[in-house]
Amino acid sequence: MKTNFFENAPEKNWKERDAQSAILADYEIVYRSMAPGHDDDRDYLAKKYNRPINNLADLNALGQDLFGQLNSESRAADKYLIERNLDAISSAAATLGSIKSDKKSASSRENGKLGGRPKRIAVRIVEESKNAGEAMKKAGEYKAEVNQDWKNETTTYKFSDKSVLLVNNMDFKVGR
């Protein structure tokens, strides 16, 4: 069931209501066209608003311009439209992130030469430590949230990179 956002505003004149409805409809098309496979929608928007739409930034700029033209009743519809179109936005972001390019490949090769992605703090500590005491000493050098479970004799370190180190008596390992 489609919601009529103007049903509580009978004092609005029809011209303004029609204009707001048109802007709101185009605003929805902006978000829908962020998903893959909506080239026709992007072409429609580019032609209607006489501006190039080559990427998500262009669509976002148009969406912001359209939002600025909406009155307060129409802006209330914005929440409804965005909630409905979050899947489309996520899908568009996933598609753009998975696009392969020569530039991305070259960047990945360079990062690989430098050792690749940096290891998590807890992983580094486990790899560099010979015993639980050394692991606890190294963990103390980082800003970490430390919790001690006296009953189970376990100390848990939660680091800024969200990695976790568990130390129990003489044992130490990366936790979850």
Protein backbone atom coordinates (compact mmCIF):
# COMPACT_ATOMS: atom_id res chain seq x y z
CA MET A 1 0.00 0.00 0.00
CA LYS A 2 1.47 3.34 -1.02
CA THR A 3 1.31 6.10 1.57
CA ASN A 4 -0.18 9.46 0.59
CA PHE A 5 2.04 11.99 2.33
CA PHE A 6 -0.25 14.90 1.48
CA GLU A 7 -3.54 13.57 2.81
CA ASN A 8 -3.23 15.60 6.03
CA ALA A 9 -2.59 18.88 4.21
CA PRO A 10 -5.83 19.81 2.39
CA GLU A 11 -5.00 23.53 2.54
CA LYS A 12 -2.12 23.06 0.09
CA ASN A 13 -2.95 24.21 -3.38
CA TRP A 14 -2.93 21.55 -6.08
CA LYS A 15 -0.03 23.09 -8.01
CA GLU A 16 2.29 22.89 -5.03
CA ARG A 17 1.09 19.39 -4.17
CA ASP A 18 1.76 18.23 -7.73
CA ALA A 19 5.20 19.85 -7.76
CA GLN A 20 6.11 18.27 -4.43
CA SER A 21 4.86 14.90 -5.65
CA ALA A 22 7.03 15.16 -8.76
CA ILE A 23 10.13 16.09 -6.74
CA LEU A 24 9.41 13.28 -4.30
CA ALA A 25 9.01 10.81 -7.17
CA ASP A 26 12.33 11.89 -8.69
CA TYR A 27 13.95 11.75 -5.26
CA GLU A 28 12.87 8.12 -5.01
CA ILE A 29 14.24 7.44 -8.51
CA VAL A 30 17.61 8.84 -7.40
CA TYR A 31 17.88 6.24 -4.65
CA ARG A 32 16.49 3.42 -6.76
CA SER A 33 18.97 4.21 -9.55
CA MET A 34 21.92 3.69 -7.18
CA ALA A 35 21.42 -0.04 -7.63
CA PRO A 36 22.91 -1.82 -10.62
CA GLY A 37 20.72 -2.21 -13.70
CA HIS A 38 18.98 1.17 -13.51
CA ASP A 39 20.73 2.89 -16.41
CA ASP A 40 17.39 4.10 -17.84
CA ASP A 41 16.57 5.86 -14.54
CA ARG A 42 19.99 7.54 -14.49
CA ASP A 43 19.54 8.65 -18.13
CA TYR A 44 16.06 10.03 -17.30
CA LEU A 45 17.42 12.04 -14.35
CA ALA A 46 20.44 13.33 -16.32
CA LYS A 47 18.19 14.53 -19.16
CA LYS A 48 15.47 16.01 -16.92
CA TYR A 49 17.87 17.94 -14.67
CA ASN A 50 20.40 18.67 -17.44
CA ARG A 51 23.39 17.39 -15.50
CA PRO A 52 25.76 14.47 -15.97
CA ILE A 53 25.23 11.42 -13.76
CA ASN A 54 28.32 9.26 -14.00
CA ASN A 55 28.67 7.88 -10.48
CA LEU A 56 27.15 7.63 -6.99
CA ALA A 57 28.52 11.06 -6.04
CA ASP A 58 26.54 12.64 -8.90
CA LEU A 59 23.37 10.83 -7.78
CA ASN A 60 23.95 11.84 -4.16
CA ALA A 61 24.39 15.51 -5.17
CA LEU A 62 21.14 15.42 -7.16
CA GLY A 63 19.38 13.77 -4.22
CA GLN A 64 20.57 16.53 -1.90
CA ASP A 65 19.40 19.21 -4.34
CA LEU A 66 15.97 17.59 -4.60
CA PHE A 67 15.73 17.20 -0.82
CA GLY A 68 16.40 20.94 -0.49
CA GLN A 69 13.36 21.65 -2.68
CA LEU A 70 10.97 19.64 -0.51
CA ASN A 71 8.68 21.23 2.07
CA SER A 72 8.43 19.84 5.64
CA GLU A 73 5.58 17.40 4.88
CA SER A 74 7.48 15.99 1.93
CA ARG A 75 10.69 15.77 3.94
CA ALA A 76 8.85 13.51 6.37
CA ALA A 77 8.53 11.10 3.45
CA ASP A 78 12.33 11.07 3.13
CA LYS A 79 12.66 8.63 6.04
CA TYR A 80 10.16 6.30 4.42
CA LEU A 81 11.95 6.44 1.06
CA ILE A 82 15.42 5.91 2.50
CA GLU A 83 14.29 2.94 4.60
CA ARG A 84 12.72 1.41 1.51
CA ASN A 85 15.82 1.99 -0.58
CA LEU A 86 18.60 0.96 1.81
CA ASP A 87 18.88 -2.38 0.04
CA ALA A 88 19.40 -0.61 -3.29
CA ILE A 89 22.11 1.61 -1.80
CA SER A 90 23.89 -1.37 -0.21
CA SER A 91 23.70 -3.28 -3.46
CA ALA A 92 25.16 -0.33 -5.38
CA ALA A 93 28.03 0.05 -2.93
CA ALA A 94 28.79 -3.67 -3.12
CA THR A 95 28.78 -3.56 -6.90
CA LEU A 96 31.08 -0.54 -7.05
CA GLY A 97 33.45 -2.10 -4.51
CA SER A 98 33.72 -5.29 -6.54
CA ILE A 99 34.63 -3.54 -9.80
CA LYS A 100 38.12 -4.54 -10.91
CA SER A 101 40.49 -1.98 -12.36
CA ASP A 102 44.15 -1.73 -13.30
CA LYS A 103 44.60 0.93 -10.62
CA LYS A 104 43.16 -1.33 -7.88
CA SER A 105 45.30 -4.25 -9.05
CA ALA A 106 48.47 -2.14 -8.99
CA SER A 107 47.62 -0.86 -5.51
CA SER A 108 47.07 -4.40 -4.25
CA ARG A 109 50.41 -5.53 -5.70
CA GLU A 110 52.20 -2.63 -3.97
CA ASN A 111 50.51 -3.42 -0.64
CA GLY A 112 51.52 -7.06 -1.04
CA LYS A 113 55.16 -6.05 -1.49
CA LEU A 114 54.94 -4.15 1.79
CA GLY A 115 53.64 -7.21 3.63
CA GLY A 116 49.93 -6.96 2.88
CA ARG A 117 47.23 -6.00 5.33
CA PRO A 118 48.54 -5.22 8.83
CA LYS A 119 47.88 -7.95 11.38
CA ARG A 120 45.52 -7.36 14.25
CA ILE A 121 47.13 -6.34 17.55
CA ALA A 122 46.14 -9.56 19.32
CA VAL A 123 47.53 -11.71 16.48
CA ARG A 124 50.84 -9.82 16.55
CA ILE A 125 51.14 -10.27 20.31
CA VAL A 126 50.47 -14.02 20.10
CA GLU A 127 53.00 -14.44 17.29
CA GLU A 128 55.69 -12.38 19.05
CA SER A 129 55.28 -13.76 22.58
CA LYS A 130 56.97 -16.84 24.04
CA ASN A 131 54.80 -17.12 27.17
CA ALA A 132 51.71 -15.69 28.89
CA GLY A 133 53.74 -13.22 30.95
CA GLU A 134 55.36 -11.75 27.86
CA ALA A 135 51.97 -11.58 26.11
CA MET A 136 50.47 -9.68 29.06
CA LYS A 137 53.43 -7.28 29.12
CA LYS A 138 53.08 -6.52 25.39
CA ALA A 139 49.29 -6.17 25.71
CA GLY A 140 49.85 -3.63 28.50
CA GLU A 141 51.77 -1.43 26.07
CA TYR A 142 48.60 -0.87 24.02
CA LYS A 143 45.46 0.99 24.99
CA ALA A 144 43.08 -1.84 25.73
CA GLU A 145 39.97 -2.55 27.73
CA VAL A 146 41.06 -5.11 30.31
CA ASN A 147 38.63 -7.46 32.05
CA GLN A 148 39.65 -10.00 34.65
CA ASP A 149 37.58 -13.06 35.43
CA TRP A 150 38.93 -14.13 38.83
CA LYS A 151 36.79 -17.24 38.98
CA ASN A 152 38.22 -18.66 35.72
CA GLU A 153 41.58 -16.92 36.16
CA THR A 154 41.29 -15.30 32.71
CA THR A 155 42.34 -11.83 31.60
CA THR A 156 40.75 -10.45 28.43
CA TYR A 157 42.28 -7.57 26.47
CA LYS A 158 40.07 -5.79 23.91
CA PHE A 159 42.12 -3.57 21.61
CA SER A 160 41.17 -0.53 19.54
CA ASP A 161 41.18 -2.63 16.34
CA LYS A 162 38.51 -4.84 17.98
CA SER A 163 40.87 -7.80 18.30
CA VAL A 164 40.84 -9.76 21.57
CA LEU A 165 43.62 -11.47 23.50
CA LEU A 166 42.76 -14.08 26.12
CA VAL A 167 45.32 -14.99 28.80
CA ASN A 168 44.56 -17.89 31.14
CA ASN A 169 47.30 -19.05 33.54
CA MET A 170 50.09 -20.10 31.19
CA ASP A 171 47.98 -20.14 28.02
CA PHE A 172 47.34 -17.18 25.71
CA LYS A 173 45.42 -16.97 22.43
CA VAL A 174 43.44 -14.73 20.13
CA GLY A 175 39.79 -14.62 21.23
CA ARG A 176 36.52 -13.50 19.76
